Amino acid sequence: MKFKPAQLARDGDEESHQVALMCWAADNVVKYPALRWLFAIPNGGKRDRITAARLKAQGVKAGVGDLFLMCARRGFHGLFIEMKAGDNTLAEDQITFGADAVLCGYRYEVCYTWEQAVAVLQQYLDD
């Protein structure tokens, strides 16, 4: 059974909206071929101390955007998307990362729904 993005996002949390966005991306890769290089960066979520230490040792960094589109467009080297939900706000390290990403020539967007992220991606990828 194939789920639609709206069905996947019905829980309303950040994870479900990100899953919905990735479903939309998979469904639209023919129209937007660059979407094949939209990927998640596993830097968030709750983990036990051992797993957190292992990931940190492997190079996971707090504050890095949730998703990255490896595609240069509109004068940017690529696009980072930070997904949030509800009343969640950016942590200090996320604010710093976003500012540094922009200074380095990347676009950085914070999106609270999968639909908002779709609009960002469409605007970024449309000619």
N, C-alpha and C. Protein backbone atom coordinates (compact mmCIF):
# COMPACT_ATOMS: atom_id res chain seq x y z
N MET A 1 0.84 -1.19 0.00
CA MET A 1 0.00 0.00 0.00
C MET A 1 0.88 1.25 0.00
N LYS A 2 0.63 2.14 -0.91
CA LYS A 2 1.39 3.39 -1.02
C LYS A 2 0.70 4.48 -0.22
N PHE A 3 1.48 5.11 0.66
CA PHE A 3 0.94 6.19 1.46
C PHE A 3 1.16 7.52 0.76
N LYS A 4 0.27 8.45 1.01
CA LYS A 4 0.40 9.81 0.51
C LYS A 4 1.07 10.65 1.60
N PRO A 5 1.80 11.70 1.22
CA PRO A 5 2.48 12.51 2.23
C PRO A 5 1.56 13.00 3.35
N ALA A 6 0.36 13.44 3.00
CA ALA A 6 -0.56 13.95 4.04
C ALA A 6 -0.88 12.87 5.06
N GLN A 7 -1.00 11.63 4.62
CA GLN A 7 -1.26 10.53 5.56
C GLN A 7 -0.06 10.33 6.48
N LEU A 8 1.12 10.42 5.93
CA LEU A 8 2.33 10.20 6.71
C LEU A 8 2.56 11.30 7.75
N ALA A 9 2.06 12.50 7.47
CA ALA A 9 2.29 13.65 8.36
C ALA A 9 1.20 13.82 9.41
N ARG A 10 0.25 12.94 9.43
CA ARG A 10 -0.92 13.17 10.30
C ARG A 10 -0.60 13.22 11.78
N ASP A 11 0.51 12.62 12.23
CA ASP A 11 0.88 12.72 13.65
C ASP A 11 1.27 14.15 14.01
N GLY A 12 1.72 14.91 13.01
CA GLY A 12 2.04 16.32 13.23
C GLY A 12 3.39 16.59 13.85
N ASP A 13 4.17 15.55 14.14
CA ASP A 13 5.48 15.79 14.73
C ASP A 13 6.53 15.99 13.63
N GLU A 14 7.71 16.39 14.05
CA GLU A 14 8.78 16.69 13.09
C GLU A 14 9.13 15.47 12.24
N GLU A 15 9.25 14.34 12.87
CA GLU A 15 9.61 13.11 12.14
C GLU A 15 8.58 12.77 11.06
N SER A 16 7.30 12.85 11.39
CA SER A 16 6.28 12.49 10.40
C SER A 16 6.26 13.47 9.24
N HIS A 17 6.50 14.75 9.51
CA HIS A 17 6.57 15.73 8.41
C HIS A 17 7.79 15.48 7.54
N GLN A 18 8.90 15.08 8.14
CA GLN A 18 10.09 14.79 7.35
C GLN A 18 9.87 13.55 6.49
N VAL A 19 9.23 12.53 7.05
CA VAL A 19 8.92 11.33 6.27
C VAL A 19 7.99 11.68 5.11
N ALA A 20 7.00 12.51 5.38
CA ALA A 20 6.07 12.94 4.33
C ALA A 20 6.81 13.68 3.22
N LEU A 21 7.74 14.55 3.60
CA LEU A 21 8.53 15.29 2.61
C LEU A 21 9.35 14.34 1.75
N MET A 22 9.98 13.36 2.37
CA MET A 22 10.79 12.42 1.60
C MET A 22 9.91 11.56 0.69
N CYS A 23 8.70 11.25 1.10
CA CYS A 23 7.75 10.55 0.24
C CYS A 23 7.42 11.42 -0.97
N TRP A 24 7.12 12.70 -0.72
CA TRP A 24 6.84 13.63 -1.82
C TRP A 24 8.04 13.69 -2.76
N ALA A 25 9.24 13.78 -2.21
CA ALA A 25 10.45 13.86 -3.04
C ALA A 25 10.59 12.63 -3.93
N ALA A 26 10.36 11.45 -3.36
CA ALA A 26 10.44 10.22 -4.15
C ALA A 26 9.41 10.21 -5.27
N ASP A 27 8.24 10.75 -5.00
CA ASP A 27 7.17 10.80 -6.00
C ASP A 27 7.42 11.84 -7.07
N ASN A 28 8.33 12.78 -6.83
CA ASN A 28 8.53 13.90 -7.76
C ASN A 28 9.94 13.96 -8.35
N VAL A 29 10.68 12.86 -8.25
CA VAL A 29 12.05 12.87 -8.75
C VAL A 29 12.10 12.93 -10.29
N VAL A 30 11.05 12.52 -10.96
CA VAL A 30 11.02 12.65 -12.43
C VAL A 30 10.93 14.11 -12.82
N LYS A 31 10.06 14.85 -12.14
CA LYS A 31 9.92 16.28 -12.43
C LYS A 31 11.15 17.06 -11.98
N TYR A 32 11.69 16.68 -10.81
CA TYR A 32 12.85 17.35 -10.24
C TYR A 32 13.96 16.32 -10.01
N PRO A 33 14.74 15.99 -11.03
CA PRO A 33 15.77 14.94 -10.90
C PRO A 33 16.76 15.17 -9.75
N ALA A 34 17.01 16.41 -9.41
CA ALA A 34 17.96 16.69 -8.33
C ALA A 34 17.48 16.15 -6.98
N LEU A 35 16.19 15.87 -6.85
CA LEU A 35 15.68 15.34 -5.59
C LEU A 35 16.28 13.99 -5.23
N ARG A 36 16.89 13.32 -6.19
CA ARG A 36 17.54 12.05 -5.85
C ARG A 36 18.70 12.26 -4.88
N TRP A 37 19.16 13.51 -4.76
CA TRP A 37 20.25 13.84 -3.85
C TRP A 37 19.77 14.64 -2.64
N LEU A 38 18.49 14.51 -2.31
CA LEU A 38 17.98 15.05 -1.05
C LEU A 38 18.11 13.95 -0.01
N PHE A 39 18.85 14.22 1.05
CA PHE A 39 19.06 13.18 2.06
C PHE A 39 19.02 13.75 3.47
N ALA A 40 18.75 12.85 4.41
CA ALA A 40 18.68 13.21 5.82
C ALA A 40 20.06 13.13 6.45
N ILE A 41 20.26 13.97 7.44
CA ILE A 41 21.50 13.98 8.22
C ILE A 41 21.10 13.55 9.63
N PRO A 42 21.54 12.38 10.07
CA PRO A 42 21.06 11.82 11.35
C PRO A 42 21.72 12.44 12.58
N ASN A 43 21.40 13.71 12.82
CA ASN A 43 22.04 14.40 13.93
C ASN A 43 21.09 14.68 15.08
N GLY A 44 19.85 14.29 14.97
CA GLY A 44 18.89 14.58 16.04
C GLY A 44 18.34 13.32 16.66
N GLY A 45 17.38 13.49 17.50
CA GLY A 45 16.72 12.36 18.11
C GLY A 45 17.31 11.98 19.46
N LYS A 46 16.54 11.26 20.19
CA LYS A 46 16.97 10.80 21.52
C LYS A 46 17.73 9.49 21.37
N ARG A 47 18.89 9.43 22.04
CA ARG A 47 19.73 8.24 21.98
C ARG A 47 20.29 7.96 23.37
N ASP A 48 20.64 6.72 23.59
CA ASP A 48 21.33 6.41 24.84
C ASP A 48 22.75 6.99 24.77
N ARG A 49 23.40 7.08 25.92
CA ARG A 49 24.71 7.73 25.99
C ARG A 49 25.76 7.05 25.14
N ILE A 50 25.75 5.74 25.08
CA ILE A 50 26.75 5.01 24.30
C ILE A 50 26.58 5.30 22.81
N THR A 51 25.35 5.22 22.32
CA THR A 51 25.09 5.52 20.91
C THR A 51 25.45 6.96 20.59
N ALA A 52 25.07 7.89 21.46
CA ALA A 52 25.40 9.31 21.24
C ALA A 52 26.91 9.51 21.16
N ALA A 53 27.65 8.85 22.04
CA ALA A 53 29.11 8.98 22.03
C ALA A 53 29.71 8.40 20.76
N ARG A 54 29.17 7.27 20.31
CA ARG A 54 29.68 6.66 19.06
C ARG A 54 29.41 7.57 17.87
N LEU A 55 28.20 8.11 17.79
CA LEU A 55 27.87 9.00 16.67
C LEU A 55 28.73 10.26 16.69
N LYS A 56 28.95 10.81 17.88
CA LYS A 56 29.81 11.99 17.98
C LYS A 56 31.22 11.66 17.51
N ALA A 57 31.73 10.49 17.90
CA ALA A 57 33.06 10.06 17.46
C ALA A 57 33.12 9.88 15.94
N GLN A 58 31.99 9.52 15.34
CA GLN A 58 31.93 9.33 13.88
C GLN A 58 31.79 10.65 13.13
N GLY A 59 31.55 11.74 13.86
CA GLY A 59 31.48 13.04 13.21
C GLY A 59 30.13 13.71 13.20
N VAL A 60 29.13 13.11 13.82
CA VAL A 60 27.81 13.76 13.90
C VAL A 60 27.97 15.04 14.72
N LYS A 61 27.40 16.13 14.23
CA LYS A 61 27.54 17.43 14.88
C LYS A 61 26.17 17.99 15.22
N ALA A 62 26.03 18.47 16.44
CA ALA A 62 24.79 19.12 16.86
C ALA A 62 24.58 20.39 16.04
N GLY A 63 23.33 20.65 15.69
CA GLY A 63 22.99 21.89 15.01
C GLY A 63 22.89 21.79 13.50
N VAL A 64 23.49 20.77 12.90
CA VAL A 64 23.46 20.63 11.45
C VAL A 64 22.02 20.39 10.99
N GLY A 65 21.65 20.98 9.86
CA GLY A 65 20.30 20.84 9.34
C GLY A 65 19.88 19.39 9.18
N ASP A 66 18.57 19.16 9.21
CA ASP A 66 18.03 17.80 9.12
C ASP A 66 18.17 17.19 7.73
N LEU A 67 18.07 18.02 6.70
CA LEU A 67 18.10 17.54 5.32
C LEU A 67 19.05 18.40 4.51
N PHE A 68 19.64 17.78 3.51
CA PHE A 68 20.52 18.51 2.60
C PHE A 68 20.19 18.10 1.18
N LEU A 69 20.08 19.09 0.29
CA LEU A 69 19.91 18.84 -1.14
C LEU A 69 21.22 19.23 -1.81
N MET A 70 21.92 18.23 -2.33
CA MET A 70 23.20 18.44 -2.98
C MET A 70 22.93 18.87 -4.43
N CYS A 71 22.66 20.14 -4.56
CA CYS A 71 22.32 20.68 -5.88
C CYS A 71 22.52 22.19 -5.84
N ALA A 72 23.43 22.68 -6.67
CA ALA A 72 23.66 24.12 -6.75
C ALA A 72 22.58 24.77 -7.60
N ARG A 73 21.96 25.81 -7.06
CA ARG A 73 20.93 26.56 -7.78
C ARG A 73 20.88 27.98 -7.22
N ARG A 74 20.48 28.89 -8.09
CA ARG A 74 20.17 30.26 -7.68
C ARG A 74 21.30 30.91 -6.87
N GLY A 75 22.54 30.58 -7.24
CA GLY A 75 23.69 31.17 -6.58
C GLY A 75 24.10 30.50 -5.28
N PHE A 76 23.45 29.40 -4.92
CA PHE A 76 23.80 28.66 -3.71
C PHE A 76 24.49 27.35 -4.09
N HIS A 77 25.33 26.86 -3.20
CA HIS A 77 26.02 25.58 -3.40
C HIS A 77 25.11 24.40 -3.14
N GLY A 78 24.08 24.58 -2.35
CA GLY A 78 23.14 23.53 -1.96
C GLY A 78 22.15 24.10 -0.97
N LEU A 79 21.24 23.23 -0.51
CA LEU A 79 20.15 23.67 0.35
C LEU A 79 20.06 22.79 1.59
N PHE A 80 20.12 23.42 2.76
CA PHE A 80 19.86 22.75 4.03
C PHE A 80 18.45 23.09 4.46
N ILE A 81 17.73 22.09 4.96
CA ILE A 81 16.40 22.30 5.53
C ILE A 81 16.42 21.79 6.96
N GLU A 82 16.00 22.62 7.87
CA GLU A 82 15.81 22.24 9.27
C GLU A 82 14.31 22.09 9.48
N MET A 83 13.88 20.89 9.84
CA MET A 83 12.47 20.64 10.10
C MET A 83 12.16 20.90 11.57
N LYS A 84 11.07 21.57 11.81
CA LYS A 84 10.56 21.82 13.16
C LYS A 84 9.07 21.53 13.13
N ALA A 85 8.48 21.40 14.29
CA ALA A 85 7.03 21.16 14.37
C ALA A 85 6.49 21.89 15.59
N GLY A 86 5.23 22.26 15.49
CA GLY A 86 4.56 22.90 16.62
C GLY A 86 5.24 24.18 17.04
N ASP A 87 5.47 24.30 18.34
CA ASP A 87 6.08 25.49 18.91
C ASP A 87 7.59 25.38 19.04
N ASN A 88 8.18 24.33 18.49
CA ASN A 88 9.63 24.14 18.59
C ASN A 88 10.36 25.30 17.93
N THR A 89 11.42 25.71 18.57
CA THR A 89 12.25 26.79 18.03
C THR A 89 13.67 26.27 17.84
N LEU A 90 14.46 27.04 17.15
CA LEU A 90 15.84 26.64 16.90
C LEU A 90 16.68 26.73 18.18
N ALA A 91 17.52 25.73 18.37
CA ALA A 91 18.51 25.76 19.44
C ALA A 91 19.66 26.68 19.01
N GLU A 92 20.45 27.10 19.96
CA GLU A 92 21.56 28.01 19.66
C GLU A 92 22.51 27.43 18.61
N ASP A 93 22.82 26.14 18.72
CA ASP A 93 23.74 25.54 17.74
C ASP A 93 23.10 25.46 16.35
N GLN A 94 21.78 25.36 16.27
CA GLN A 94 21.10 25.37 14.97
C GLN A 94 21.12 26.77 14.36
N ILE A 95 20.97 27.77 15.19
CA ILE A 95 21.05 29.16 14.71
C ILE A 95 22.45 29.43 14.17
N THR A 96 23.46 29.01 14.91
CA THR A 96 24.85 29.20 14.49
C THR A 96 25.13 28.47 13.18
N PHE A 97 24.68 27.21 13.09
CA PHE A 97 24.90 26.45 11.87
C PHE A 97 24.24 27.14 10.68
N GLY A 98 22.99 27.55 10.83
CA GLY A 98 22.28 28.21 9.74
C GLY A 98 22.99 29.46 9.25
N ALA A 99 23.44 30.27 10.20
CA ALA A 99 24.15 31.50 9.83
C ALA A 99 25.46 31.18 9.12
N ASP A 100 26.19 30.19 9.62
CA ASP A 100 27.45 29.81 8.98
C ASP A 100 27.22 29.20 7.61
N ALA A 101 26.16 28.40 7.46
CA ALA A 101 25.84 27.81 6.16
C ALA A 101 25.60 28.90 5.13
N VAL A 102 24.84 29.92 5.52
CA VAL A 102 24.56 31.04 4.61
C VAL A 102 25.85 31.77 4.25
N LEU A 103 26.70 32.01 5.25
CA LEU A 103 27.99 32.69 4.99
C LEU A 103 28.87 31.89 4.04
N CYS A 104 28.72 30.56 4.05
CA CYS A 104 29.51 29.69 3.18
C CYS A 104 28.86 29.47 1.81
N GLY A 105 27.74 30.13 1.54
CA GLY A 105 27.13 30.06 0.22
C GLY A 105 26.03 29.04 0.06
N TYR A 106 25.49 28.54 1.17
CA TYR A 106 24.38 27.58 1.11
C TYR A 106 23.08 28.28 1.49
N ARG A 107 22.00 27.78 0.97
CA ARG A 107 20.69 28.26 1.42
C ARG A 107 20.30 27.44 2.63
N TYR A 108 19.67 28.08 3.60
CA TYR A 108 19.25 27.43 4.84
C TYR A 108 17.82 27.86 5.14
N GLU A 109 16.94 26.90 5.28
CA GLU A 109 15.53 27.19 5.55
C GLU A 109 15.03 26.36 6.72
N VAL A 110 14.18 26.96 7.52
CA VAL A 110 13.49 26.26 8.60
C VAL A 110 12.05 26.08 8.16
N CYS A 111 11.57 24.83 8.19
CA CYS A 111 10.22 24.51 7.74
C CYS A 111 9.47 23.77 8.84
N TYR A 112 8.21 24.16 9.06
CA TYR A 112 7.40 23.58 10.12
C TYR A 112 6.42 22.52 9.62
N THR A 113 6.30 22.39 8.30
CA THR A 113 5.44 21.35 7.73
C THR A 113 6.11 20.81 6.47
N TRP A 114 5.67 19.62 6.07
CA TRP A 114 6.20 19.07 4.82
C TRP A 114 5.79 19.93 3.64
N GLU A 115 4.59 20.53 3.72
CA GLU A 115 4.12 21.38 2.61
C GLU A 115 5.00 22.62 2.47
N GLN A 116 5.39 23.19 3.60
CA GLN A 116 6.29 24.35 3.55
C GLN A 116 7.63 23.96 2.94
N ALA A 117 8.14 22.80 3.30
CA ALA A 117 9.41 22.33 2.74
C ALA A 117 9.28 22.06 1.24
N VAL A 118 8.14 21.51 0.81
CA VAL A 118 7.90 21.30 -0.62
C VAL A 118 7.96 22.64 -1.36
N ALA A 119 7.31 23.65 -0.80
CA ALA A 119 7.32 24.97 -1.45
C ALA A 119 8.75 25.51 -1.58
N VAL A 120 9.56 25.33 -0.54
CA VAL A 120 10.96 25.75 -0.59
C VAL A 120 11.70 25.01 -1.70
N LEU A 121 11.54 23.70 -1.74
CA LEU A 121 12.22 22.89 -2.76
C LEU A 121 11.77 23.26 -4.17
N GLN A 122 10.48 23.43 -4.36
CA GLN A 122 9.98 23.81 -5.69
C GLN A 122 10.54 25.15 -6.12
N GLN A 123 10.54 26.12 -5.23
CA GLN A 123 11.07 27.43 -5.57
C GLN A 123 12.56 27.34 -5.88
N TYR A 124 13.28 26.53 -5.12
CA TYR A 124 14.72 26.36 -5.32
C TYR A 124 15.02 25.67 -6.64
N LEU A 125 14.22 24.70 -7.01
CA LEU A 125 14.51 23.87 -8.19
C LEU A 125 13.86 24.34 -9.48
N ASP A 126 12.77 25.10 -9.39
CA ASP A 126 12.10 25.57 -10.61
C ASP A 126 12.97 26.58 -11.35
N ASP A 127 12.90 26.50 -12.67
CA ASP A 127 13.66 27.46 -13.50
C ASP A 127 12.95 28.79 -13.59
